[in-house]
Amino acid sequence: MAGRIVRWGVVLGLGGLWWWSVLRLALVPDAGALEGAVAAGGWGLSLLPVHCVPKARAMRRARAPSGRRGAVVRE
């Protein structure tokens, strides 16, 4: 339970930092490189392929019976 709270705190804190930097870049004429770096870094993280799985697991899913989409075959 405590791990979940900490994880959500970190996610919300970093999300708030990202939004602060984006809004500051858009609204404040003297926004600097720090805001740009935070905004670009957060945007770059959104491009990570977070739905990747190991090849063996993907192959098991590909061979799964067609009765249920995404079913995992246990070997």
C-alpha atoms as a PDB file:
ATOM      1  CA  MET A   1       0.000   0.000   0.000  1.00  0.00           C
ATOM      2  CA  ALA A   2       2.767   2.437   0.880  1.00  0.00           C
ATOM      3  CA  GLY A   3       4.584   1.633  -2.379  1.00  0.00           C
ATOM      4  CA  ARG A   4       1.489   2.509  -4.371  1.00  0.00           C
ATOM      5  CA  ILE A   5       1.163   5.844  -2.570  1.00  0.00           C
ATOM      6  CA  VAL A   6       4.815   6.693  -3.185  1.00  0.00           C
ATOM      7  CA  ARG A   7       4.541   5.688  -6.845  1.00  0.00           C
ATOM      8  CA  TRP A   8       1.471   7.885  -7.370  1.00  0.00           C
ATOM      9  CA  GLY A   9       3.177  10.746  -5.551  1.00  0.00           C
ATOM     10  CA  VAL A  10       6.177  10.518  -7.851  1.00  0.00           C
ATOM     11  CA  VAL A  11       3.979  10.280 -10.962  1.00  0.00           C
ATOM     12  CA  LEU A  12       1.858  13.260  -9.955  1.00  0.00           C
ATOM     13  CA  GLY A  13       4.919  15.282  -8.936  1.00  0.00           C
ATOM     14  CA  LEU A  14       6.739  14.657 -12.220  1.00  0.00           C
ATOM     15  CA  GLY A  15       3.556  15.289 -14.192  1.00  0.00           C
ATOM     16  CA  GLY A  16       3.077  18.586 -12.398  1.00  0.00           C
ATOM     17  CA  LEU A  17       6.679  19.545 -13.105  1.00  0.00           C
ATOM     18  CA  TRP A  18       6.191  18.752 -16.791  1.00  0.00           C
ATOM     19  CA  TRP A  19       2.997  20.818 -17.026  1.00  0.00           C
ATOM     20  CA  TRP A  20       4.675  23.694 -15.203  1.00  0.00           C
ATOM     21  CA  SER A  21       7.508  23.722 -17.738  1.00  0.00           C
ATOM     22  CA  VAL A  22       5.163  23.496 -20.751  1.00  0.00           C
ATOM     23  CA  LEU A  23       2.920  26.293 -19.492  1.00  0.00           C
ATOM     24  CA  ARG A  24       5.919  28.430 -18.599  1.00  0.00           C
ATOM     25  CA  LEU A  25       7.328  27.955 -22.114  1.00  0.00           C
ATOM     26  CA  ALA A  26       3.999  28.914 -23.630  1.00  0.00           C
ATOM     27  CA  LEU A  27       3.122  31.877 -21.410  1.00  0.00           C
ATOM     28  CA  VAL A  28       6.308  33.459 -20.101  1.00  0.00           C
ATOM     29  CA  PRO A  29       8.509  35.302 -22.590  1.00  0.00           C
ATOM     30  CA  ASP A  30      11.741  34.741 -20.634  1.00  0.00           C
ATOM     31  CA  ALA A  31      11.422  30.962 -20.145  1.00  0.00           C
ATOM     32  CA  GLY A  32      14.803  29.331 -20.416  1.00  0.00           C
ATOM     33  CA  ALA A  33      16.606  26.154 -21.291  1.00  0.00           C
ATOM     34  CA  LEU A  34      15.590  24.398 -18.063  1.00  0.00           C
ATOM     35  CA  GLU A  35      11.899  24.540 -18.943  1.00  0.00           C
ATOM     36  CA  GLY A  36      12.644  23.428 -22.489  1.00  0.00           C
ATOM     37  CA  ALA A  37      14.714  20.485 -21.289  1.00  0.00           C
ATOM     38  CA  VAL A  38      12.017  19.341 -18.851  1.00  0.00           C
ATOM     39  CA  ALA A  39       9.285  19.644 -21.490  1.00  0.00           C
ATOM     40  CA  ALA A  40      11.328  17.847 -24.165  1.00  0.00           C
ATOM     41  CA  GLY A  41      12.358  15.110 -21.751  1.00  0.00           C
ATOM     42  CA  GLY A  42       8.795  14.438 -20.661  1.00  0.00           C
ATOM     43  CA  TRP A  43       7.599  14.364 -24.240  1.00  0.00           C
ATOM     44  CA  GLY A  44      10.431  11.997 -25.149  1.00  0.00           C
ATOM     45  CA  LEU A  45       9.414   9.617 -22.370  1.00  0.00           C
ATOM     46  CA  SER A  46       5.952   9.401 -23.884  1.00  0.00           C
ATOM     47  CA  LEU A  47       7.512   7.879 -27.000  1.00  0.00           C
ATOM     48  CA  LEU A  48       8.963   4.884 -25.168  1.00  0.00           C
ATOM     49  CA  PRO A  49       7.464   1.561 -26.220  1.00  0.00           C
ATOM     50  CA  VAL A  50       5.950   0.637 -22.866  1.00  0.00           C
ATOM     51  CA  HIS A  51       3.904  -2.234 -24.261  1.00  0.00           C
ATOM     52  CA  CYS A  52       6.863  -4.346 -25.331  1.00  0.00           C
ATOM     53  CA  VAL A  53       7.072  -7.916 -24.067  1.00  0.00           C
ATOM     54  CA  PRO A  54       9.840 -10.511 -24.309  1.00  0.00           C
ATOM     55  CA  LYS A  55       9.839 -12.425 -27.613  1.00  0.00           C
ATOM     56  CA  ALA A  56       8.961 -15.777 -26.006  1.00  0.00           C
ATOM     57  CA  ARG A  57       5.883 -14.302 -24.317  1.00  0.00           C
ATOM     58  CA  ALA A  58       4.794 -12.611 -27.543  1.00  0.00           C
ATOM     59  CA  MET A  59       5.101 -15.902 -29.415  1.00  0.00           C
ATOM     60  CA  ARG A  60       2.942 -17.670 -26.814  1.00  0.00           C
ATOM     61  CA  ARG A  61       0.269 -15.014 -27.295  1.00  0.00           C
ATOM     62  CA  ALA A  62       0.467 -15.371 -31.059  1.00  0.00           C
ATOM     63  CA  ARG A  63      -0.131 -19.146 -30.763  1.00  0.00           C
ATOM     64  CA  ALA A  64      -3.036 -18.683 -28.339  1.00  0.00           C
ATOM     65  CA  PRO A  65      -6.362 -20.225 -29.292  1.00  0.00           C
ATOM     66  CA  SER A  66      -8.577 -17.794 -31.163  1.00  0.00           C
ATOM     67  CA  GLY A  67     -11.447 -18.239 -28.704  1.00  0.00           C
ATOM     68  CA  ARG A  68     -10.334 -15.287 -26.610  1.00  0.00           C
ATOM     69  CA  ARG A  69      -8.307 -12.354 -27.865  1.00  0.00           C
ATOM     70  CA  GLY A  70      -5.036 -11.921 -25.964  1.00  0.00           C
ATOM     71  CA  ALA A  71      -5.282 -15.232 -24.124  1.00  0.00           C
ATOM     72  CA  VAL A  72      -1.994 -16.483 -22.715  1.00  0.00           C
ATOM     73  CA  VAL A  73      -1.087 -20.118 -23.327  1.00  0.00           C
ATOM     74  CA  ARG A  74       0.443 -21.701 -20.234  1.00  0.00           C
ATOM     75  CA  GLU A  75       3.209 -24.199 -20.993  1.00  0.00           C
END
